[in-house]
């Protein structure tokens, strides 16, 4: 992803310990459809797996929320410094293989993962 394409030529890259900058954070969004009856097991496994992703370069934050209307659906939001921190760094890592082993068998169907860049906020 080229920052100039997004009109963000000032996007800073590199050290994830820099000052928090919401305007340039990439938000990974996934609705996780968990197999009915496996919600408690999923939440337990996720509680362990989150330490894997939290240790990755470029990771900022993570939230997992459970849908009220569809209790077998979860919303995962992960903030990254750069798109590549998720798509290449995390997904290309040995740690991702462990993440997959711990979590992917809970999903039916497999979730769609998309990435967003904030354009406005209050």
PDB file of N, CA and C in Angstrom:
ATOM      1  N   UNK A   1       0.855  -1.177   0.000  1.00  0.00           N
ATOM      2  CA  UNK A   1       0.000   0.000   0.000  1.00  0.00           C
ATOM      3  C   UNK A   1       0.891   1.226   0.000  1.00  0.00           C
ATOM      4  N   UNK A   2       0.695   2.080  -0.954  1.00  0.00           N
ATOM      5  CA  UNK A   2       1.472   3.296  -1.083  1.00  0.00           C
ATOM      6  C   UNK A   2       0.743   4.437  -0.380  1.00  0.00           C
ATOM      7  N   UNK A   3       1.357   5.053   0.665  1.00  0.00           N
ATOM      8  CA  UNK A   3       0.688   6.137   1.381  1.00  0.00           C
ATOM      9  C   UNK A   3       0.273   7.274   0.480  1.00  0.00           C
ATOM     10  N   UNK A   4       1.054   7.559  -0.570  1.00  0.00           N
ATOM     11  CA  UNK A   4       0.701   8.661  -1.468  1.00  0.00           C
ATOM     12  C   UNK A   4      -0.615   8.384  -2.174  1.00  0.00           C
ATOM     13  N   UNK A   5      -0.877   7.110  -2.472  1.00  0.00           N
ATOM     14  CA  UNK A   5      -2.133   6.726  -3.101  1.00  0.00           C
ATOM     15  C   UNK A   5      -3.316   7.091  -2.221  1.00  0.00           C
ATOM     16  N   UNK A   6      -3.102   7.013  -0.915  1.00  0.00           N
ATOM     17  CA  UNK A   6      -4.169   7.321   0.024  1.00  0.00           C
ATOM     18  C   UNK A   6      -4.231   8.802   0.366  1.00  0.00           C
ATOM     19  N   UNK A   7      -3.319   9.582  -0.205  1.00  0.00           N
ATOM     20  CA  UNK A   7      -3.273  10.995   0.143  1.00  0.00           C
ATOM     21  C   UNK A   7      -2.639  11.220   1.499  1.00  0.00           C
ATOM     22  N   UNK A   8      -1.791  10.302   1.924  1.00  0.00           N
ATOM     23  CA  UNK A   8      -1.186  10.392   3.240  1.00  0.00           C
ATOM     24  C   UNK A   8       0.330  10.364   3.127  1.00  0.00           C
ATOM     25  N   UNK A   9       0.882  11.312   2.428  1.00  0.00           N
ATOM     26  CA  UNK A   9       2.326  11.310   2.212  1.00  0.00           C
ATOM     27  C   UNK A   9       3.103  11.470   3.515  1.00  0.00           C
ATOM     28  N   UNK A  10       2.434  11.892   4.596  1.00  0.00           N
ATOM     29  CA  UNK A  10       3.127  12.073   5.864  1.00  0.00           C
ATOM     30  C   UNK A  10       3.006  10.867   6.776  1.00  0.00           C
ATOM     31  N   UNK A  11       2.527   9.727   6.271  1.00  0.00           N
ATOM     32  CA  UNK A  11       2.408   8.539   7.101  1.00  0.00           C
ATOM     33  C   UNK A  11       3.786   8.172   7.623  1.00  0.00           C
ATOM     34  N   UNK A  12       3.878   8.051   8.932  1.00  0.00           N
ATOM     35  CA  UNK A  12       5.148   7.647   9.531  1.00  0.00           C
ATOM     36  C   UNK A  12       5.177   6.142   9.623  1.00  0.00           C
ATOM     37  N   UNK A  13       6.358   5.587   9.444  1.00  0.00           N
ATOM     38  CA  UNK A  13       6.540   4.149   9.492  1.00  0.00           C
ATOM     39  C   UNK A  13       7.653   3.837  10.471  1.00  0.00           C
ATOM     40  N   UNK A  14       7.658   2.589  10.897  1.00  0.00           N
ATOM     41  CA  UNK A  14       8.775   2.160  11.722  1.00  0.00           C
ATOM     42  C   UNK A  14       8.374   1.850  13.137  1.00  0.00           C
ATOM     43  N   UNK A  15       9.059   2.439  14.103  1.00  0.00           N
ATOM     44  CA  UNK A  15       8.962   2.089  15.508  1.00  0.00           C
ATOM     45  C   UNK A  15       7.540   2.228  16.033  1.00  0.00           C
ATOM     46  N   UNK A  16       6.970   1.108  16.522  1.00  0.00           N
ATOM     47  CA  UNK A  16       5.601   1.119  17.026  1.00  0.00           C
ATOM     48  C   UNK A  16       5.503   1.807  18.379  1.00  0.00           C
ATOM     49  N   UNK A  17       6.615   2.203  18.975  1.00  0.00           N
ATOM     50  CA  UNK A  17       6.580   2.880  20.270  1.00  0.00           C
ATOM     51  C   UNK A  17       6.439   4.385  20.119  1.00  0.00           C
ATOM     52  N   UNK A  18       6.315   4.872  18.908  1.00  0.00           N
ATOM     53  CA  UNK A  18       6.160   6.316  18.721  1.00  0.00           C
ATOM     54  C   UNK A  18       4.820   6.767  19.296  1.00  0.00           C
ATOM     55  N   UNK A  19       4.623   8.055  19.385  1.00  0.00           N
ATOM     56  CA  UNK A  19       3.389   8.599  19.938  1.00  0.00           C
ATOM     57  C   UNK A  19       2.181   8.058  19.181  1.00  0.00           C
ATOM     58  N   UNK A  20       1.113   7.823  19.889  1.00  0.00           N
ATOM     59  CA  UNK A  20      -0.126   7.287  19.313  1.00  0.00           C
ATOM     60  C   UNK A  20      -0.649   8.229  18.249  1.00  0.00           C
ATOM     61  N   UNK A  21      -0.939   7.717  17.093  1.00  0.00           N
ATOM     62  CA  UNK A  21      -1.371   8.537  15.968  1.00  0.00           C
ATOM     63  C   UNK A  21      -2.552   7.833  15.303  1.00  0.00           C
ATOM     64  N   UNK A  22      -3.764   8.116  15.773  1.00  0.00           N
ATOM     65  CA  UNK A  22      -4.953   7.433  15.265  1.00  0.00           C
ATOM     66  C   UNK A  22      -5.204   7.677  13.782  1.00  0.00           C
ATOM     67  N   UNK A  23      -4.809   8.804  13.265  1.00  0.00           N
ATOM     68  CA  UNK A  23      -5.106   9.133  11.875  1.00  0.00           C
ATOM     69  C   UNK A  23      -4.390   8.210  10.905  1.00  0.00           C
ATOM     70  N   UNK A  24      -3.313   7.563  11.330  1.00  0.00           N
ATOM     71  CA  UNK A  24      -2.539   6.743  10.416  1.00  0.00           C
ATOM     72  C   UNK A  24      -2.486   5.281  10.825  1.00  0.00           C
ATOM     73  N   UNK A  25      -3.348   4.881  11.719  1.00  0.00           N
ATOM     74  CA  UNK A  25      -3.398   3.500  12.165  1.00  0.00           C
ATOM     75  C   UNK A  25      -4.264   2.691  11.203  1.00  0.00           C
ATOM     76  N   UNK A  26      -3.814   1.511  10.852  1.00  0.00           N
ATOM     77  CA  UNK A  26      -4.601   0.597  10.030  1.00  0.00           C
ATOM     78  C   UNK A  26      -5.454  -0.252  10.964  1.00  0.00           C
ATOM     79  N   UNK A  27      -6.748  -0.314  10.703  1.00  0.00           N
ATOM     80  CA  UNK A  27      -7.644  -1.119  11.516  1.00  0.00           C
ATOM     81  C   UNK A  27      -8.044  -2.365  10.732  1.00  0.00           C
ATOM     82  N   UNK A  28      -7.671  -3.503  11.271  1.00  0.00           N
ATOM     83  CA  UNK A  28      -8.101  -4.798  10.729  1.00  0.00           C
ATOM     84  C   UNK A  28      -9.469  -5.095  11.327  1.00  0.00           C
ATOM     85  N   UNK A  29     -10.415  -5.462  10.479  1.00  0.00           N
ATOM     86  CA  UNK A  29     -11.798  -5.729  10.886  1.00  0.00           C
ATOM     87  C   UNK A  29     -12.166  -7.132  10.436  1.00  0.00           C
ATOM     88  N   UNK A  30     -12.665  -7.948  11.358  1.00  0.00           N
ATOM     89  CA  UNK A  30     -13.125  -9.285  10.990  1.00  0.00           C
ATOM     90  C   UNK A  30     -14.338  -9.641  11.837  1.00  0.00           C
ATOM     91  N   UNK A  31     -15.399 -10.106  11.177  1.00  0.00           N
ATOM     92  CA  UNK A  31     -16.520 -10.706  11.881  1.00  0.00           C
ATOM     93  C   UNK A  31     -16.226 -12.198  11.940  1.00  0.00           C
ATOM     94  N   UNK A  32     -16.146 -12.732  13.153  1.00  0.00           N
ATOM     95  CA  UNK A  32     -15.761 -14.119  13.357  1.00  0.00           C
ATOM     96  C   UNK A  32     -16.998 -14.963  13.661  1.00  0.00           C
ATOM     97  N   UNK A  33     -17.455 -15.772  12.703  1.00  0.00           N
ATOM     98  CA  UNK A  33     -18.612 -16.638  12.927  1.00  0.00           C
ATOM     99  C   UNK A  33     -18.162 -17.936  13.614  1.00  0.00           C
ATOM    100  N   UNK A  34     -18.392 -18.025  14.909  1.00  0.00           N
ATOM    101  CA  UNK A  34     -17.968 -19.181  15.686  1.00  0.00           C
ATOM    102  C   UNK A  34     -19.059 -20.246  15.638  1.00  0.00           C
ATOM    103  N   UNK A  35     -18.643 -21.493  15.497  1.00  0.00           N
ATOM    104  CA  UNK A  35     -19.597 -22.603  15.449  1.00  0.00           C
ATOM    105  C   UNK A  35     -20.456 -22.593  16.708  1.00  0.00           C
ATOM    106  N   UNK A  36     -21.767 -22.723  16.522  1.00  0.00           N
ATOM    107  CA  UNK A  36     -22.721 -22.685  17.634  1.00  0.00           C
ATOM    108  C   UNK A  36     -22.338 -23.704  18.706  1.00  0.00           C
ATOM    109  N   UNK A  37     -22.403 -23.251  19.941  1.00  0.00           N
ATOM    110  CA  UNK A  37     -22.088 -24.106  21.072  1.00  0.00           C
ATOM    111  C   UNK A  37     -20.619 -24.109  21.450  1.00  0.00           C
ATOM    112  N   UNK A  38     -19.764 -23.448  20.649  1.00  0.00           N
ATOM    113  CA  UNK A  38     -18.326 -23.442  20.932  1.00  0.00           C
ATOM    114  C   UNK A  38     -17.828 -22.061  21.380  1.00  0.00           C
ATOM    115  N   UNK A  39     -18.759 -21.190  21.730  1.00  0.00           N
ATOM    116  CA  UNK A  39     -18.393 -19.825  22.095  1.00  0.00           C
ATOM    117  C   UNK A  39     -17.466 -19.782  23.314  1.00  0.00           C
ATOM    118  N   UNK A  40     -17.772 -20.527  24.360  1.00  0.00           N
ATOM    119  CA  UNK A  40     -16.946 -20.504  25.574  1.00  0.00           C
ATOM    120  C   UNK A  40     -15.537 -21.023  25.284  1.00  0.00           C
ATOM    121  N   UNK A  41     -15.443 -22.083  24.512  1.00  0.00           N
ATOM    122  CA  UNK A  41     -14.135 -22.635  24.156  1.00  0.00           C
ATOM    123  C   UNK A  41     -13.349 -21.645  23.295  1.00  0.00           C
ATOM    124  N   UNK A  42     -14.048 -20.983  22.368  1.00  0.00           N
ATOM    125  CA  UNK A  42     -13.405 -19.977  21.531  1.00  0.00           C
ATOM    126  C   UNK A  42     -12.857 -18.844  22.386  1.00  0.00           C
ATOM    127  N   UNK A  43     -13.661 -18.323  23.291  1.00  0.00           N
ATOM    128  CA  UNK A  43     -13.221 -17.213  24.133  1.00  0.00           C
ATOM    129  C   UNK A  43     -12.017 -17.599  24.978  1.00  0.00           C
ATOM    130  N   UNK A  44     -11.996 -18.808  25.468  1.00  0.00           N
ATOM    131  CA  UNK A  44     -10.857 -19.286  26.245  1.00  0.00           C
ATOM    132  C   UNK A  44      -9.596 -19.373  25.370  1.00  0.00           C
ATOM    133  N   UNK A  45      -9.746 -19.965  24.191  1.00  0.00           N
ATOM    134  CA  UNK A  45      -8.611 -20.085  23.271  1.00  0.00           C
ATOM    135  C   UNK A  45      -8.128 -18.708  22.834  1.00  0.00           C
ATOM    136  N   UNK A  46      -9.060 -17.795  22.572  1.00  0.00           N
ATOM    137  CA  UNK A  46      -8.677 -16.452  22.159  1.00  0.00           C
ATOM    138  C   UNK A  46      -7.907 -15.753  23.274  1.00  0.00           C
ATOM    139  N   UNK A  47      -8.333 -15.961  24.514  1.00  0.00           N
ATOM    140  CA  UNK A  47      -7.637 -15.365  25.653  1.00  0.00           C
ATOM    141  C   UNK A  47      -6.175 -15.757  25.696  1.00  0.00           C
ATOM    142  N   UNK A  48      -5.865 -16.950  25.249  1.00  0.00           N
ATOM    143  CA  UNK A  48      -4.474 -17.399  25.187  1.00  0.00           C
ATOM    144  C   UNK A  48      -3.796 -16.885  23.906  1.00  0.00           C
ATOM    145  N   UNK A  49      -4.503 -16.939  22.789  1.00  0.00           N
ATOM    146  CA  UNK A  49      -3.919 -16.585  21.489  1.00  0.00           C
ATOM    147  C   UNK A  49      -3.608 -15.102  21.364  1.00  0.00           C
ATOM    148  N   UNK A  50      -4.313 -14.260  22.085  1.00  0.00           N
ATOM    149  CA  UNK A  50      -4.106 -12.814  21.925  1.00  0.00           C
ATOM    150  C   UNK A  50      -2.691 -12.392  22.271  1.00  0.00           C
ATOM    151  N   UNK A  51      -2.008 -13.144  23.124  1.00  0.00           N
ATOM    152  CA  UNK A  51      -0.631 -12.786  23.449  1.00  0.00           C
ATOM    153  C   UNK A  51       0.292 -12.983  22.244  1.00  0.00           C
ATOM    154  N   UNK A  52      -0.086 -13.878  21.347  1.00  0.00           N
ATOM    155  CA  UNK A  52       0.711 -14.115  20.140  1.00  0.00           C
ATOM    156  C   UNK A  52       0.717 -12.862  19.276  1.00  0.00           C
ATOM    157  N   UNK A  53      -0.473 -12.360  18.967  1.00  0.00           N
ATOM    158  CA  UNK A  53      -0.580 -11.205  18.081  1.00  0.00           C
ATOM    159  C   UNK A  53      -0.054  -9.937  18.762  1.00  0.00           C
ATOM    160  N   UNK A  54      -0.253  -9.845  20.073  1.00  0.00           N
ATOM    161  CA  UNK A  54       0.178  -8.650  20.801  1.00  0.00           C
ATOM    162  C   UNK A  54       1.693  -8.483  20.799  1.00  0.00           C
ATOM    163  N   UNK A  55       2.416  -9.547  20.562  1.00  0.00           N
ATOM    164  CA  UNK A  55       3.864  -9.476  20.538  1.00  0.00           C
ATOM    165  C   UNK A  55       4.461  -9.203  19.170  1.00  0.00           C
ATOM    166  N   UNK A  56       3.614  -9.013  18.168  1.00  0.00           N
ATOM    167  CA  UNK A  56       4.108  -8.827  16.804  1.00  0.00           C
ATOM    168  C   UNK A  56       4.523  -7.380  16.543  1.00  0.00           C
ATOM    169  N   UNK A  57       5.577  -7.185  15.749  1.00  0.00           N
ATOM    170  CA  UNK A  57       5.969  -5.823  15.369  1.00  0.00           C
ATOM    171  C   UNK A  57       4.823  -5.105  14.643  1.00  0.00           C
ATOM    172  N   UNK A  58       4.599  -3.865  15.007  1.00  0.00           N
ATOM    173  CA  UNK A  58       3.560  -3.061  14.375  1.00  0.00           C
ATOM    174  C   UNK A  58       2.197  -3.188  15.029  1.00  0.00           C
ATOM    175  N   UNK A  59       2.043  -4.109  15.975  1.00  0.00           N
ATOM    176  CA  UNK A  59       0.767  -4.268  16.683  1.00  0.00           C
ATOM    177  C   UNK A  59       0.544  -3.058  17.579  1.00  0.00           C
ATOM    178  N   UNK A  60      -0.692  -2.544  17.584  1.00  0.00           N
ATOM    179  CA  UNK A  60      -1.064  -1.411  18.431  1.00  0.00           C
ATOM    180  C   UNK A  60      -2.036  -1.812  19.535  1.00  0.00           C
ATOM    181  N   UNK A  61      -3.165  -2.414  19.113  1.00  0.00           N
ATOM    182  CA  UNK A  61      -4.193  -2.783  20.097  1.00  0.00           C
ATOM    183  C   UNK A  61      -5.138  -3.795  19.477  1.00  0.00           C
ATOM    184  N   UNK A  62      -5.951  -4.381  20.331  1.00  0.00           N
ATOM    185  CA  UNK A  62      -6.899  -5.392  19.885  1.00  0.00           C
ATOM    186  C   UNK A  62      -8.134  -5.324  20.766  1.00  0.00           C
ATOM    187  N   UNK A  63      -9.300  -5.479  20.144  1.00  0.00           N
ATOM    188  CA  UNK A  63     -10.534  -5.676  20.906  1.00  0.00           C
ATOM    189  C   UNK A  63     -11.300  -6.830  20.273  1.00  0.00           C
ATOM    190  N   UNK A  64     -11.940  -7.617  21.111  1.00  0.00           N
ATOM    191  CA  UNK A  64     -12.837  -8.679  20.670  1.00  0.00           C
ATOM    192  C   UNK A  64     -14.166  -8.428  21.348  1.00  0.00           C
ATOM    193  N   UNK A  65     -15.225  -8.304  20.555  1.00  0.00           N
ATOM    194  CA  UNK A  65     -16.562  -8.041  21.079  1.00  0.00           C
ATOM    195  C   UNK A  65     -17.516  -9.119  20.590  1.00  0.00           C
ATOM    196  N   UNK A  66     -18.481  -9.476  21.441  1.00  0.00           N
ATOM    197  CA  UNK A  66     -19.478 -10.484  21.086  1.00  0.00           C
ATOM    198  C   UNK A  66     -20.776  -9.794  20.680  1.00  0.00           C
ATOM    199  N   UNK A  67     -21.361 -10.249  19.592  1.00  0.00           N
ATOM    200  CA  UNK A  67     -22.600  -9.666  19.078  1.00  0.00           C
ATOM    201  C   UNK A  67     -23.769 -10.011  20.003  1.00  0.00           C
ATOM    202  N   UNK A  68     -24.582  -9.041  20.301  1.00  0.00           N
ATOM    203  CA  UNK A  68     -25.748  -9.248  21.157  1.00  0.00           C
ATOM    204  C   UNK A  68     -26.838 -10.005  20.393  1.00  0.00           C
ATOM    205  N   UNK A  69     -27.097  -9.597  19.159  1.00  0.00           N
ATOM    206  CA  UNK A  69     -28.162 -10.224  18.371  1.00  0.00           C
ATOM    207  C   UNK A  69     -27.781 -11.614  17.854  1.00  0.00           C
ATOM    208  N   UNK A  70     -26.514 -11.828  17.597  1.00  0.00           N
ATOM    209  CA  UNK A  70     -26.019 -13.126  17.108  1.00  0.00           C
ATOM    210  C   UNK A  70     -24.851 -13.552  18.001  1.00  0.00           C
ATOM    211  N   UNK A  71     -25.122 -14.201  19.138  1.00  0.00           N
ATOM    212  CA  UNK A  71     -24.080 -14.488  20.127  1.00  0.00           C
ATOM    213  C   UNK A  71     -22.955 -15.411  19.644  1.00  0.00           C
ATOM    214  N   UNK A  72     -23.115 -15.996  18.464  1.00  0.00           N
ATOM    215  CA  UNK A  72     -22.035 -16.825  17.921  1.00  0.00           C
ATOM    216  C   UNK A  72     -21.148 -16.026  16.962  1.00  0.00           C
ATOM    217  N   UNK A  73     -21.342 -14.710  16.909  1.00  0.00           N
ATOM    218  CA  UNK A  73     -20.548 -13.836  16.045  1.00  0.00           C
ATOM    219  C   UNK A  73     -19.766 -12.849  16.898  1.00  0.00           C
ATOM    220  N   UNK A  74     -18.503 -12.720  16.570  1.00  0.00           N
ATOM    221  CA  UNK A  74     -17.603 -11.821  17.290  1.00  0.00           C
ATOM    222  C   UNK A  74     -17.021 -10.799  16.319  1.00  0.00           C
ATOM    223  N   UNK A  75     -16.758  -9.616  16.838  1.00  0.00           N
ATOM    224  CA  UNK A  75     -16.098  -8.564  16.067  1.00  0.00           C
ATOM    225  C   UNK A  75     -14.668  -8.426  16.581  1.00  0.00           C
ATOM    226  N   UNK A  76     -13.719  -8.664  15.699  1.00  0.00           N
ATOM    227  CA  UNK A  76     -12.310  -8.495  16.030  1.00  0.00           C
ATOM    228  C   UNK A  76     -11.803  -7.230  15.357  1.00  0.00           C
ATOM    229  N   UNK A  77     -11.244  -6.334  16.141  1.00  0.00           N
ATOM    230  CA  UNK A  77     -10.606  -5.127  15.631  1.00  0.00           C
ATOM    231  C   UNK A  77      -9.171  -5.113  16.134  1.00  0.00           C
ATOM    232  N   UNK A  78      -8.240  -5.046  15.205  1.00  0.00           N
ATOM    233  CA  UNK A  78      -6.819  -4.987  15.550  1.00  0.00           C
ATOM    234  C   UNK A  78      -6.232  -3.758  14.888  1.00  0.00           C
ATOM    235  N   UNK A  79      -5.500  -2.977  15.636  1.00  0.00           N
ATOM    236  CA  UNK A  79      -4.842  -1.799  15.093  1.00  0.00           C
ATOM    237  C   UNK A  79      -3.373  -2.120  14.842  1.00  0.00           C
ATOM    238  N   UNK A  80      -2.923  -1.734  13.647  1.00  0.00           N
ATOM    239  CA  UNK A  80      -1.549  -1.959  13.203  1.00  0.00           C
ATOM    240  C   UNK A  80      -0.929  -0.641  12.771  1.00  0.00           C
ATOM    241  N   UNK A  81       0.382  -0.561  12.865  1.00  0.00           N
ATOM    242  CA  UNK A  81       1.090   0.615  12.354  1.00  0.00           C
ATOM    243  C   UNK A  81       0.952   0.709  10.841  1.00  0.00           C
ATOM    244  N   UNK A  82       1.121  -0.431  10.171  1.00  0.00           N
ATOM    245  CA  UNK A  82       1.095  -0.476   8.703  1.00  0.00           C
ATOM    246  C   UNK A  82       0.328  -1.710   8.254  1.00  0.00           C
ATOM    247  N   UNK A  83      -0.250  -1.659   7.101  1.00  0.00           N
ATOM    248  CA  UNK A  83      -0.947  -2.812   6.536  1.00  0.00           C
ATOM    249  C   UNK A  83      -0.024  -4.019   6.472  1.00  0.00           C
ATOM    250  N   UNK A  84       1.210  -3.792   6.058  1.00  0.00           N
ATOM    251  CA  UNK A  84       2.171  -4.882   5.900  1.00  0.00           C
ATOM    252  C   UNK A  84       2.524  -5.555   7.225  1.00  0.00           C
ATOM    253  N   UNK A  85       2.371  -4.844   8.338  1.00  0.00           N
ATOM    254  CA  UNK A  85       2.625  -5.467   9.639  1.00  0.00           C
ATOM    255  C   UNK A  85       1.673  -6.635   9.862  1.00  0.00           C
ATOM    256  N   UNK A  86       0.462  -6.519   9.327  1.00  0.00           N
ATOM    257  CA  UNK A  86      -0.498  -7.614   9.430  1.00  0.00           C
ATOM    258  C   UNK A  86      -0.342  -8.607   8.283  1.00  0.00           C
ATOM    259  N   UNK A  87      -0.420  -8.107   7.051  1.00  0.00           N
ATOM    260  CA  UNK A  87      -0.507  -9.000   5.888  1.00  0.00           C
ATOM    261  C   UNK A  87       0.779  -9.756   5.608  1.00  0.00           C
ATOM    262  N   UNK A  88       1.917  -9.142   5.874  1.00  0.00           N
ATOM    263  CA  UNK A  88       3.200  -9.801   5.619  1.00  0.00           C
ATOM    264  C   UNK A  88       3.866 -10.246   6.915  1.00  0.00           C
ATOM    265  N   UNK A  89       3.960  -9.327   7.868  1.00  0.00           N
ATOM    266  CA  UNK A  89       4.651  -9.627   9.120  1.00  0.00           C
ATOM    267  C   UNK A  89       3.978 -10.717   9.926  1.00  0.00           C
ATOM    268  N   UNK A  90       2.736 -10.466  10.344  1.00  0.00           N
ATOM    269  CA  UNK A  90       2.028 -11.439  11.176  1.00  0.00           C
ATOM    270  C   UNK A  90       1.662 -12.688  10.386  1.00  0.00           C
ATOM    271  N   UNK A  91       0.996 -12.506   9.267  1.00  0.00           N
ATOM    272  CA  UNK A  91       0.548 -13.682   8.502  1.00  0.00           C
ATOM    273  C   UNK A  91       1.691 -14.509   7.927  1.00  0.00           C
ATOM    274  N   UNK A  92       2.849 -13.926   7.773  1.00  0.00           N
ATOM    275  CA  UNK A  92       3.994 -14.659   7.255  1.00  0.00           C
ATOM    276  C   UNK A  92       4.882 -15.240   8.343  1.00  0.00           C
ATOM    277  N   UNK A  93       4.460 -15.114   9.588  1.00  0.00           N
ATOM    278  CA  UNK A  93       5.307 -15.522  10.711  1.00  0.00           C
ATOM    279  C   UNK A  93       4.999 -16.936  11.204  1.00  0.00           C
ATOM    280  N   UNK A  94       5.945 -17.489  11.927  1.00  0.00           N
ATOM    281  CA  UNK A  94       5.757 -18.771  12.611  1.00  0.00           C
ATOM    282  C   UNK A  94       4.653 -18.629  13.656  1.00  0.00           C
ATOM    283  N   UNK A  95       4.584 -17.463  14.297  1.00  0.00           N
ATOM    284  CA  UNK A  95       3.566 -17.220  15.316  1.00  0.00           C
ATOM    285  C   UNK A  95       2.153 -17.336  14.738  1.00  0.00           C
ATOM    286  N   UNK A  96       1.986 -16.919  13.484  1.00  0.00           N
ATOM    287  CA  UNK A  96       0.664 -17.015  12.851  1.00  0.00           C
ATOM    288  C   UNK A  96       0.222 -18.470  12.723  1.00  0.00           C
ATOM    289  N   UNK A  97       1.160 -19.356  12.496  1.00  0.00           N
ATOM    290  CA  UNK A  97       0.806 -20.777  12.396  1.00  0.00           C
ATOM    291  C   UNK A  97       0.202 -21.262  13.712  1.00  0.00           C
ATOM    292  N   UNK A  98       0.757 -20.830  14.828  1.00  0.00           N
ATOM    293  CA  UNK A  98       0.206 -21.191  16.140  1.00  0.00           C
ATOM    294  C   UNK A  98      -1.169 -20.565  16.321  1.00  0.00           C
ATOM    295  N   UNK A  99      -1.340 -19.300  15.927  1.00  0.00           N
ATOM    296  CA  UNK A  99      -2.640 -18.601  15.985  1.00  0.00           C
ATOM    297  C   UNK A  99      -3.687 -19.402  15.218  1.00  0.00           C
ATOM    298  N   UNK A 100      -3.335 -19.827  14.013  1.00  0.00           N
ATOM    299  CA  UNK A 100      -4.252 -20.623  13.184  1.00  0.00           C
ATOM    300  C   UNK A 100      -4.645 -21.915  13.883  1.00  0.00           C
ATOM    301  N   UNK A 101      -3.674 -22.620  14.437  1.00  0.00           N
ATOM    302  CA  UNK A 101      -3.941 -23.879  15.139  1.00  0.00           C
ATOM    303  C   UNK A 101      -4.902 -23.683  16.307  1.00  0.00           C
ATOM    304  N   UNK A 102      -4.757 -22.573  16.995  1.00  0.00           N
ATOM    305  CA  UNK A 102      -5.568 -22.308  18.179  1.00  0.00           C
ATOM    306  C   UNK A 102      -6.986 -21.847  17.856  1.00  0.00           C
ATOM    307  N   UNK A 103      -7.168 -21.128  16.723  1.00  0.00           N
ATOM    308  CA  UNK A 103      -8.438 -20.436  16.510  1.00  0.00           C
ATOM    309  C   UNK A 103      -9.215 -20.811  15.251  1.00  0.00           C
ATOM    310  N   UNK A 104      -8.559 -21.127  14.176  1.00  0.00           N
ATOM    311  CA  UNK A 104      -9.267 -21.242  12.899  1.00  0.00           C
ATOM    312  C   UNK A 104     -10.292 -22.369  12.852  1.00  0.00           C
ATOM    313  N   UNK A 105     -10.144 -23.393  13.648  1.00  0.00           N
ATOM    314  CA  UNK A 105     -11.116 -24.489  13.630  1.00  0.00           C
ATOM    315  C   UNK A 105     -12.470 -24.095  14.241  1.00  0.00           C
ATOM    316  N   UNK A 106     -12.548 -22.946  14.894  1.00  0.00           N
ATOM    317  CA  UNK A 106     -13.806 -22.475  15.474  1.00  0.00           C
ATOM    318  C   UNK A 106     -14.716 -21.806  14.446  1.00  0.00           C
ATOM    319  N   UNK A 107     -14.191 -21.383  13.294  1.00  0.00           N
ATOM    320  CA  UNK A 107     -14.942 -20.547  12.363  1.00  0.00           C
ATOM    321  C   UNK A 107     -15.704 -21.359  11.331  1.00  0.00           C
ATOM    322  N   UNK A 108     -16.963 -20.961  11.113  1.00  0.00           N
ATOM    323  CA  UNK A 108     -17.785 -21.558  10.055  1.00  0.00           C
ATOM    324  C   UNK A 108     -18.816 -20.533   9.614  1.00  0.00           C
ATOM    325  N   UNK A 109     -18.665 -19.946   8.429  1.00  0.00           N
ATOM    326  CA  UNK A 109     -17.580 -20.085   7.461  1.00  0.00           C
ATOM    327  C   UNK A 109     -16.362 -19.290   7.923  1.00  0.00           C
ATOM    328  N   UNK A 110     -15.286 -19.379   7.145  1.00  0.00           N
ATOM    329  CA  UNK A 110     -14.086 -18.644   7.496  1.00  0.00           C
ATOM    330  C   UNK A 110     -14.348 -17.149   7.334  1.00  0.00           C
ATOM    331  N   UNK A 111     -13.875 -16.328   8.277  1.00  0.00           N
ATOM    332  CA  UNK A 111     -14.183 -14.889   8.231  1.00  0.00           C
ATOM    333  C   UNK A 111     -13.474 -14.140   7.111  1.00  0.00           C
ATOM    334  N   UNK A 112     -14.128 -13.072   6.682  1.00  0.00           N
ATOM    335  CA  UNK A 112     -13.522 -12.122   5.750  1.00  0.00           C
ATOM    336  C   UNK A 112     -12.800 -11.080   6.597  1.00  0.00           C
ATOM    337  N   UNK A 113     -11.558 -10.817   6.259  1.00  0.00           N
ATOM    338  CA  UNK A 113     -10.765  -9.818   6.980  1.00  0.00           C
ATOM    339  C   UNK A 113     -10.527  -8.645   6.042  1.00  0.00           C
ATOM    340  N   UNK A 114     -10.830  -7.438   6.535  1.00  0.00           N
ATOM    341  CA  UNK A 114     -10.635  -6.224   5.752  1.00  0.00           C
ATOM    342  C   UNK A 114      -9.864  -5.214   6.585  1.00  0.00           C
ATOM    343  N   UNK A 115      -9.280  -4.238   5.909  1.00  0.00           N
ATOM    344  CA  UNK A 115      -8.460  -3.227   6.566  1.00  0.00           C
ATOM    345  C   UNK A 115      -9.012  -1.844   6.266  1.00  0.00           C
ATOM    346  N   UNK A 116      -8.968  -0.976   7.274  1.00  0.00           N
ATOM    347  CA  UNK A 116      -9.527   0.356   7.165  1.00  0.00           C
ATOM    348  C   UNK A 116      -8.522   1.391   7.643  1.00  0.00           C
ATOM    349  N   UNK A 117      -8.640   2.582   7.068  1.00  0.00           N
ATOM    350  CA  UNK A 117      -7.850   3.737   7.467  1.00  0.00           C
ATOM    351  C   UNK A 117      -8.834   4.826   7.859  1.00  0.00           C
ATOM    352  N   UNK A 118      -8.688   5.335   9.054  1.00  0.00           N
ATOM    353  CA  UNK A 118      -9.617   6.349   9.575  1.00  0.00           C
ATOM    354  C   UNK A 118      -9.585   7.608   8.731  1.00  0.00           C
ATOM    355  N   UNK A 119     -10.766   8.138   8.413  1.00  0.00           N
ATOM    356  CA  UNK A 119     -10.854   9.397   7.656  1.00  0.00           C
ATOM    357  C   UNK A 119     -11.517  10.508   8.461  1.00  0.00           C
ATOM    358  N   UNK A 120     -12.189  10.142   9.549  1.00  0.00           N
ATOM    359  CA  UNK A 120     -12.861  11.155  10.358  1.00  0.00           C
ATOM    360  C   UNK A 120     -13.166  10.560  11.724  1.00  0.00           C
ATOM    361  N   UNK A 121     -13.306  11.407  12.734  1.00  0.00           N
ATOM    362  CA  UNK A 121     -13.641  10.931  14.076  1.00  0.00           C
ATOM    363  C   UNK A 121     -14.108  12.103  14.926  1.00  0.00           C
ATOM    364  N   UNK A 122     -14.815  11.786  15.985  1.00  0.00           N
ATOM    365  CA  UNK A 122     -15.225  12.777  16.979  1.00  0.00           C
ATOM    366  C   UNK A 122     -14.749  12.283  18.333  1.00  0.00           C
TER     367      UNK A 122
END
